[in-house]
Amino acid sequence: MASHRISRLKTDVIGECIEKLHEKRRAVREEGMKALVAALKGFVPADEIDNRYFTVFDRCCNSIRKGGAAEATLAYRAIGLLALTVGACTDDILLKARPVLEKTLQAPSSGAATMVAALDCLAAVTLAGTRRSLDAAPALRAATGVIRRAGDDATASSTPPEVLTAALSAFALLLTTVGGDDLRTYPCVFKEAMVPFQDLVKLLESDNPSVVMAAGEAIAVCAELNLTKLASPEDMEAIETKVSDLATDASGDMTPTEQRQVDFFQKIADMMCQADDCPQTEGAMAASSPSVRRGVLRESTWARLVQFSFLRRFLGKGFPKHVQDNPLFGKEEDTSVADGDEELPAKKSWRHGGGKGKQWTSAMRRDRDIVWESKNGFYLYD
């Protein structure tokens, strides 16, 4: 019995990470944060995190406030991964993380790597945590704030291109959590979504290919959601002209990168000409386990393509594992819980942030599954 207990302790990666994140030595905390990111990226079932999710989140916030740039960057990544994992608790994370995120995004002293991590975190937490369209408004405002500041620097932007690319990517992703119908229902959200049209026109003229592609992606999502109809005639004419120019092979002798950009903007130009024309992309993913449903990843709209691209980039090598096991990516066969079921026994835990730890109950599991099924289920497999 004793050996079995020791074995269980050794495999409690989350517990070991929490232990290190309470250390005063920065090097130990950073080591614990790296281990936490690796574990969450490889997917840890929410049941295993249990009521310790708030402790993990609290420790990450502590690393952002008191740690160095490297530790803060890792902490933002960990918060985003945690949000994609625990689901039902993400509204708490979304609410409590917002002030920390906004402070980083507005601080001139924030390094580029930390800014990118904060924007990715903002996108991931909002993607997992929005229950209503109004929930996405503050995140949209934060992302467009970064875009607007860059757009104001018309000639030589002081915003690093990797930060601007991340802001544009976050903006496009956040729009997909709202949806066209909801934007018309909630004018305040709609206002946030309308902000960057003039800036997007400027950013299409950037010398950085990543910025240009990200701006194009944002325009494609806006067009798909019919948001471009509310742009001013001048902005819309400028967007259409620039997209058409980028979709044209002017040189006749292009590099592979230039060819990809031309093909990309040709799809956008076609879609803008025919509102019902969306990119049809397919990519096969080999199943890593016989239990995984065989199929082909299919993305038939710009919104889903944006979601897919972000999650594949954010999760990296952990993406296949999340597709296989994370309920955010697909509908489980039977996740319902009978109304008469009692709470699952709460595991003993320690060091809950401010005594606010929560038990991972059957109701919370059901809430997670219902929210993700109705809002953000990707259902990548046929």
Protein backbone atom coordinates (compact mmCIF):
# COMPACT_ATOMS: atom_id res chain seq x y z
CA MET A 1 0.00 0.00 0.00
CA ALA A 2 2.85 2.37 0.89
CA SER A 3 4.62 1.79 -2.43
CA HIS A 4 1.36 2.42 -4.30
CA ARG A 5 0.95 5.73 -2.46
CA ILE A 6 4.52 6.76 -3.34
CA SER A 7 3.91 5.88 -6.98
CA ARG A 8 0.84 8.10 -7.08
CA LEU A 9 2.74 11.01 -5.56
CA LYS A 10 5.47 10.70 -8.17
CA THR A 11 2.96 10.92 -10.99
CA ASP A 12 1.17 13.99 -9.60
CA VAL A 13 2.84 16.43 -11.96
CA ILE A 14 0.45 19.27 -11.12
CA GLY A 15 1.14 18.85 -7.41
CA GLU A 16 4.89 18.92 -8.00
CA CYS A 17 4.54 22.08 -10.11
CA ILE A 18 2.48 23.81 -7.41
CA GLU A 19 5.14 22.94 -4.86
CA LYS A 20 7.85 24.60 -6.98
CA LEU A 21 5.71 27.63 -7.78
CA HIS A 22 5.50 28.43 -4.05
CA GLU A 23 9.28 28.67 -3.79
CA LYS A 24 10.95 32.05 -3.21
CA ARG A 25 13.84 31.28 -5.55
CA ARG A 26 13.08 32.48 -9.05
CA ALA A 27 15.03 29.67 -10.73
CA VAL A 28 12.93 27.03 -8.95
CA ARG A 29 9.67 28.79 -9.83
CA GLU A 30 10.73 29.06 -13.45
CA GLU A 31 11.55 25.35 -13.51
CA GLY A 32 8.12 24.60 -12.07
CA MET A 33 6.46 26.86 -14.64
CA LYS A 34 8.23 25.08 -17.51
CA ALA A 35 7.04 21.72 -16.17
CA LEU A 36 3.49 23.08 -15.78
CA VAL A 37 3.41 24.36 -19.36
CA ALA A 38 4.72 21.04 -20.67
CA ALA A 39 2.12 19.08 -18.69
CA LEU A 40 -0.84 21.24 -19.73
CA LYS A 41 0.29 21.34 -23.36
CA GLY A 42 0.31 17.54 -23.37
CA PHE A 43 -3.20 17.66 -21.84
CA VAL A 44 -4.01 16.92 -18.22
CA PRO A 45 -7.66 15.89 -17.71
CA ALA A 46 -9.63 18.47 -15.73
CA ASP A 47 -10.51 15.78 -13.21
CA GLU A 48 -6.84 15.40 -12.34
CA ILE A 49 -6.41 19.13 -11.78
CA ASP A 50 -9.61 19.04 -9.74
CA ASN A 51 -10.07 21.87 -7.25
CA ARG A 52 -6.43 22.93 -7.58
CA TYR A 53 -7.11 24.95 -10.73
CA PHE A 54 -7.40 28.17 -8.70
CA THR A 55 -4.13 27.46 -6.89
CA VAL A 56 -2.39 27.01 -10.23
CA PHE A 57 -3.91 30.22 -11.57
CA ASP A 58 -3.00 32.16 -8.42
CA ARG A 59 0.62 30.98 -8.63
CA CYS A 60 0.79 32.00 -12.30
CA CYS A 61 -0.45 35.50 -11.46
CA ASN A 62 2.16 35.71 -8.72
CA SER A 63 4.88 34.83 -11.27
CA ILE A 64 3.60 37.54 -13.62
CA ARG A 65 3.66 40.17 -10.87
CA LYS A 66 6.95 39.22 -9.19
CA GLY A 67 8.93 37.10 -11.63
CA GLY A 68 11.24 38.05 -14.46
CA ALA A 69 10.31 38.31 -18.13
CA ALA A 70 10.94 34.63 -18.84
CA GLU A 71 8.84 33.50 -15.88
CA ALA A 72 6.00 35.89 -16.76
CA THR A 73 5.99 34.69 -20.37
CA LEU A 74 5.71 31.08 -19.24
CA ALA A 75 2.99 32.01 -16.74
CA TYR A 76 0.83 33.61 -19.42
CA ARG A 77 1.19 30.51 -21.56
CA ALA A 78 0.25 28.32 -18.59
CA ILE A 79 -2.90 30.37 -17.89
CA GLY A 80 -4.02 30.02 -21.50
CA LEU A 81 -3.43 26.27 -21.45
CA LEU A 82 -5.20 25.98 -18.10
CA ALA A 83 -8.25 27.79 -19.49
CA LEU A 84 -8.43 25.43 -22.48
CA THR A 85 -8.32 22.51 -20.03
CA VAL A 86 -10.70 23.32 -17.17
CA GLY A 87 -13.51 24.90 -19.16
CA ALA A 88 -16.31 25.36 -16.65
CA CYS A 89 -14.08 27.41 -14.35
CA THR A 90 -12.74 29.61 -17.12
CA ASP A 91 -15.20 32.44 -16.42
CA ASP A 92 -13.38 32.90 -13.09
CA ILE A 93 -10.03 32.88 -14.86
CA LEU A 94 -11.28 35.28 -17.54
CA LEU A 95 -12.50 37.77 -14.93
CA LYS A 96 -9.42 37.62 -12.71
CA ALA A 97 -6.82 37.51 -15.48
CA ARG A 98 -8.14 40.53 -17.35
CA PRO A 99 -6.58 43.28 -15.15
CA VAL A 100 -3.20 41.53 -15.23
CA LEU A 101 -3.35 41.10 -19.00
CA GLU A 102 -4.39 44.70 -19.64
CA LYS A 103 -1.57 46.02 -17.46
CA THR A 104 0.99 44.08 -19.50
CA LEU A 105 -0.50 45.12 -22.85
CA GLN A 106 -0.56 48.80 -21.88
CA ALA A 107 2.90 48.96 -20.30
CA PRO A 108 5.59 50.37 -22.63
CA SER A 109 8.23 48.43 -20.70
CA SER A 110 6.71 45.02 -21.47
CA GLY A 111 9.05 43.00 -23.66
CA ALA A 112 7.95 41.63 -27.02
CA ALA A 113 7.94 37.99 -25.86
CA THR A 114 5.81 38.83 -22.82
CA MET A 115 3.41 40.90 -24.95
CA VAL A 116 2.97 38.05 -27.43
CA ALA A 117 2.38 35.59 -24.58
CA ALA A 118 -0.17 37.94 -23.00
CA LEU A 119 -2.06 38.34 -26.30
CA ASP A 120 -2.09 34.58 -26.89
CA CYS A 121 -3.28 34.09 -23.32
CA LEU A 122 -6.03 36.67 -23.81
CA ALA A 123 -7.18 34.86 -26.95
CA ALA A 124 -7.10 31.38 -25.39
CA VAL A 125 -8.86 32.39 -22.16
CA THR A 126 -11.58 34.27 -24.02
CA LEU A 127 -12.05 31.46 -26.53
CA ALA A 128 -12.61 29.00 -23.70
CA GLY A 129 -14.45 31.32 -21.31
CA THR A 130 -16.94 33.42 -23.25
CA ARG A 131 -20.53 32.42 -22.49
CA ARG A 132 -22.16 35.51 -23.94
CA SER A 133 -21.06 37.90 -26.65
CA LEU A 134 -20.66 40.64 -24.05
CA ASP A 135 -17.91 38.59 -22.38
CA ALA A 136 -15.66 39.09 -25.41
CA ALA A 137 -15.97 42.90 -25.51
CA PRO A 138 -13.12 43.75 -23.06
CA ALA A 139 -10.77 41.31 -24.80
CA LEU A 140 -11.62 42.77 -28.21
CA ARG A 141 -10.96 46.24 -26.80
CA ALA A 142 -7.54 45.16 -25.49
CA ALA A 143 -6.51 43.55 -28.80
CA THR A 144 -7.71 46.47 -30.93
CA GLY A 145 -5.89 48.85 -28.57
CA VAL A 146 -2.58 47.27 -29.59
CA ILE A 147 -3.58 47.37 -33.27
CA ARG A 148 -4.68 50.99 -33.04
CA ARG A 149 -1.43 52.11 -31.42
CA ALA A 150 0.53 50.41 -34.20
CA GLY A 151 -1.70 51.94 -36.86
CA ASP A 152 -1.02 55.40 -35.47
CA ASP A 153 2.68 54.95 -36.27
CA ALA A 154 2.02 55.36 -39.98
CA THR A 155 5.62 55.40 -41.19
CA ALA A 156 7.78 53.52 -38.67
CA SER A 157 5.85 51.52 -36.13
CA SER A 158 7.38 51.19 -32.68
CA THR A 159 5.36 48.02 -32.13
CA PRO A 160 7.47 44.90 -32.83
CA PRO A 161 6.02 42.95 -35.79
CA GLU A 162 5.64 39.77 -33.73
CA VAL A 163 3.49 41.69 -31.22
CA LEU A 164 1.37 43.20 -33.96
CA THR A 165 0.93 39.81 -35.62
CA ALA A 166 -0.18 38.32 -32.29
CA ALA A 167 -2.64 41.20 -31.75
CA LEU A 168 -4.17 40.74 -35.21
CA SER A 169 -4.38 36.98 -34.67
CA ALA A 170 -6.05 37.49 -31.29
CA PHE A 171 -8.50 40.00 -32.78
CA ALA A 172 -9.54 37.63 -35.57
CA LEU A 173 -9.91 34.74 -33.12
CA LEU A 174 -11.96 36.82 -30.68
CA LEU A 175 -14.38 37.74 -33.45
CA THR A 176 -15.06 34.03 -33.99
CA THR A 177 -16.23 33.70 -30.37
CA VAL A 178 -18.89 36.33 -30.97
CA GLY A 179 -20.43 35.55 -34.35
CA GLY A 180 -22.22 37.75 -36.85
CA ASP A 181 -25.72 37.44 -35.39
CA ASP A 182 -24.51 38.17 -31.87
CA LEU A 183 -22.62 41.24 -33.05
CA ARG A 184 -25.85 42.66 -34.42
CA THR A 185 -27.66 41.78 -31.19
CA TYR A 186 -25.11 43.44 -28.89
CA PRO A 187 -24.21 46.89 -30.28
CA CYS A 188 -21.44 47.50 -27.71
CA VAL A 189 -19.61 44.38 -28.89
CA PHE A 190 -20.29 45.36 -32.47
CA LYS A 191 -18.67 48.74 -31.80
CA GLU A 192 -15.52 47.03 -30.52
CA ALA A 193 -15.40 44.86 -33.62
CA MET A 194 -15.66 47.87 -35.94
CA VAL A 195 -12.70 49.79 -34.48
CA PRO A 196 -9.68 48.71 -36.55
CA PHE A 197 -10.80 49.06 -40.18
CA GLN A 198 -8.67 52.13 -40.90
CA ASP A 199 -5.70 50.54 -39.18
CA LEU A 200 -6.11 47.29 -41.11
CA VAL A 201 -5.78 49.25 -44.35
CA LYS A 202 -2.44 50.67 -43.14
CA LEU A 203 -1.21 47.30 -41.93
CA LEU A 204 -1.83 45.70 -45.32
CA GLU A 205 1.00 47.95 -46.50
CA SER A 206 3.45 46.66 -43.90
CA ASP A 207 6.87 45.44 -45.00
CA ASN A 208 6.53 42.42 -42.72
CA PRO A 209 4.84 39.41 -44.44
CA SER A 210 3.50 38.01 -41.15
CA VAL A 211 1.76 41.30 -40.33
CA VAL A 212 0.27 41.52 -43.83
CA MET A 213 -1.04 37.93 -43.66
CA ALA A 214 -2.48 38.46 -40.16
CA ALA A 215 -4.21 41.67 -41.27
CA GLY A 216 -5.64 39.83 -44.26
CA GLU A 217 -6.91 37.05 -42.01
CA ALA A 218 -8.67 39.61 -39.80
CA ILE A 219 -10.28 41.22 -42.87
CA ALA A 220 -11.43 37.80 -44.12
CA VAL A 221 -13.19 37.08 -40.82
CA CYS A 222 -14.76 40.55 -40.83
CA ALA A 223 -16.01 39.98 -44.38
CA GLU A 224 -17.38 36.54 -43.53
CA LEU A 225 -19.31 38.02 -40.58
CA ASN A 226 -20.57 40.85 -42.85
CA LEU A 227 -18.79 43.43 -40.70
CA THR A 228 -17.21 45.03 -43.75
CA LYS A 229 -20.66 46.31 -44.74
CA LEU A 230 -20.40 48.77 -41.88
CA ALA A 231 -16.99 50.11 -42.86
CA SER A 232 -16.93 53.54 -44.42
CA PRO A 233 -17.02 53.59 -48.23
CA GLU A 234 -13.49 55.04 -48.25
CA ASP A 235 -12.11 52.28 -45.98
CA MET A 236 -13.92 49.56 -47.91
CA GLU A 237 -12.60 50.83 -51.23
CA ALA A 238 -9.07 50.97 -49.82
CA ILE A 239 -9.37 47.42 -48.44
CA GLU A 240 -10.70 45.99 -51.70
CA THR A 241 -8.00 47.75 -53.72
CA LYS A 242 -5.20 46.56 -51.45
CA VAL A 243 -6.50 42.99 -51.30
CA SER A 244 -6.74 42.94 -55.09
CA ASP A 245 -3.18 44.26 -55.42
CA LEU A 246 -1.84 41.64 -53.00
CA ALA A 247 -3.66 38.92 -54.93
CA THR A 248 -1.91 39.90 -58.17
CA ASP A 249 1.44 38.50 -59.29
CA ALA A 250 3.20 41.71 -60.26
CA SER A 251 6.74 40.36 -60.56
CA GLY A 252 6.20 37.10 -62.40
CA ASP A 253 9.09 35.58 -60.45
CA MET A 254 8.09 35.03 -56.83
CA THR A 255 9.59 33.25 -53.87
CA PRO A 256 7.50 30.48 -52.24
CA THR A 257 6.58 32.92 -49.44
CA GLU A 258 5.40 35.51 -51.94
CA GLN A 259 3.41 32.87 -53.82
CA ARG A 260 1.66 31.78 -50.61
CA GLN A 261 0.75 35.39 -49.90
CA VAL A 262 -0.67 35.89 -53.41
CA ASP A 263 -2.71 32.68 -53.16
CA PHE A 264 -3.93 33.64 -49.68
CA PHE A 265 -5.17 37.07 -50.77
CA GLN A 266 -6.70 35.63 -53.93
CA LYS A 267 -8.95 33.50 -51.69
CA ILE A 268 -9.88 36.60 -49.72
CA ALA A 269 -10.59 38.56 -52.88
CA ASP A 270 -12.80 35.77 -54.22
CA MET A 271 -14.65 35.51 -50.94
CA MET A 272 -15.25 39.26 -50.79
CA CYS A 273 -16.65 39.17 -54.34
CA GLN A 274 -18.91 36.22 -53.56
CA ALA A 275 -20.16 36.32 -50.00
CA ASP A 276 -20.97 32.62 -49.96
CA ASP A 277 -17.49 31.56 -51.17
CA CYS A 278 -15.32 30.27 -48.31
CA PRO A 279 -11.94 28.54 -48.36
CA GLN A 280 -12.21 24.77 -48.47
CA THR A 281 -9.16 23.31 -46.76
CA GLU A 282 -8.51 19.77 -45.74
CA GLY A 283 -5.60 18.33 -43.84
CA ALA A 284 -5.25 14.73 -42.83
CA MET A 285 -4.12 13.95 -39.30
CA ALA A 286 -2.92 10.47 -38.50
CA ALA A 287 -4.63 9.04 -35.44
CA SER A 288 -2.16 8.25 -32.68
CA SER A 289 -4.42 5.72 -31.03
CA PRO A 290 -6.89 3.10 -32.27
CA SER A 291 -9.52 4.66 -30.00
CA VAL A 292 -9.46 7.96 -31.88
CA ARG A 293 -12.20 8.40 -34.42
CA ARG A 294 -10.65 8.22 -37.87
CA GLY A 295 -11.36 11.11 -40.16
CA VAL A 296 -10.12 14.19 -41.93
CA LEU A 297 -9.83 17.61 -40.38
CA ARG A 298 -12.21 19.83 -42.27
CA GLU A 299 -12.38 23.62 -42.05
CA SER A 300 -15.03 25.14 -44.28
CA THR A 301 -15.13 28.74 -43.02
CA TRP A 302 -12.61 31.44 -42.28
CA ALA A 303 -13.76 31.53 -38.65
CA ARG A 304 -13.04 27.84 -38.11
CA LEU A 305 -9.80 28.11 -40.05
CA VAL A 306 -8.69 30.90 -37.70
CA GLN A 307 -9.63 28.84 -34.64
CA PHE A 308 -7.86 25.78 -35.98
CA SER A 309 -4.69 27.70 -36.89
CA PHE A 310 -4.49 29.43 -33.52
CA LEU A 311 -4.97 26.26 -31.51
CA ARG A 312 -2.50 24.30 -33.59
CA ARG A 313 0.10 27.02 -33.07
CA PHE A 314 -0.66 27.60 -29.39
CA LEU A 315 -0.70 23.92 -28.45
CA GLY A 316 2.23 22.95 -30.66
CA LYS A 317 3.13 19.28 -30.31
CA GLY A 318 0.28 18.85 -27.82
CA PHE A 319 -2.35 19.62 -30.46
CA PRO A 320 -3.03 15.96 -31.47
CA LYS A 321 -3.44 14.96 -27.82
CA HIS A 322 -5.94 17.76 -27.20
CA VAL A 323 -7.86 16.83 -30.35
CA GLN A 324 -8.06 13.28 -29.04
CA ASP A 325 -8.97 13.95 -25.40
CA ASN A 326 -10.03 17.56 -24.84
CA PRO A 327 -13.86 18.01 -24.95
CA LEU A 328 -13.33 21.49 -26.41
CA PHE A 329 -12.41 19.83 -29.69
CA GLY A 330 -15.28 17.41 -30.06
CA LYS A 331 -18.46 16.02 -28.67
CA GLU A 332 -18.02 13.17 -26.26
CA GLU A 333 -20.40 10.24 -26.66
CA ASP A 334 -21.98 10.62 -23.23
CA THR A 335 -20.94 13.36 -20.82
CA SER A 336 -24.30 13.83 -19.14
CA VAL A 337 -24.76 13.35 -15.41
CA ALA A 338 -28.02 12.22 -13.86
CA ASP A 339 -29.76 14.90 -11.83
CA GLY A 340 -29.72 12.71 -8.75
CA ASP A 341 -25.97 12.10 -8.82
CA GLU A 342 -24.09 13.31 -5.81
CA GLU A 343 -20.93 15.35 -5.85
CA LEU A 344 -17.77 13.44 -6.43
CA PRO A 345 -15.61 13.16 -3.29
CA ALA A 346 -13.38 16.19 -3.04
CA LYS A 347 -9.69 15.47 -2.96
CA LYS A 348 -7.70 17.00 -0.17
CA SER A 349 -5.62 19.89 -1.37
CA TRP A 350 -3.53 22.58 0.18
CA ARG A 351 -2.63 26.22 -0.32
CA HIS A 352 -5.78 27.33 -2.11
CA GLY A 353 -5.39 30.95 -3.19
CA GLY A 354 -7.17 32.97 -0.51
CA GLY A 355 -9.22 29.93 0.47
CA LYS A 356 -11.18 30.13 -2.79
CA GLY A 357 -10.44 26.67 -4.15
CA LYS A 358 -13.45 24.93 -5.70
CA GLN A 359 -14.43 21.30 -5.85
CA TRP A 360 -14.61 19.78 -9.31
CA THR A 361 -18.19 18.58 -9.15
CA SER A 362 -20.44 16.65 -11.48
CA ALA A 363 -22.37 19.86 -12.09
CA MET A 364 -19.21 21.67 -13.15
CA ARG A 365 -18.33 18.87 -15.57
CA ARG A 366 -21.82 19.04 -17.05
CA ASP A 367 -21.60 22.84 -17.29
CA ARG A 368 -18.27 22.59 -19.10
CA ASP A 369 -19.60 20.10 -21.63
CA ILE A 370 -22.82 22.03 -22.30
CA VAL A 371 -21.02 25.34 -22.81
CA TRP A 372 -18.41 23.90 -25.13
CA GLU A 373 -20.93 21.84 -27.08
CA SER A 374 -23.17 24.85 -27.72
CA LYS A 375 -20.46 27.46 -28.29
CA ASN A 376 -16.94 26.43 -29.14
CA GLY A 377 -16.99 22.74 -30.02
CA PHE A 378 -14.73 22.30 -33.00
CA TYR A 379 -15.95 18.85 -34.03
CA LEU A 380 -12.96 18.47 -36.33
CA TYR A 381 -13.85 14.91 -37.20
CA ASP A 382 -16.77 13.88 -39.38
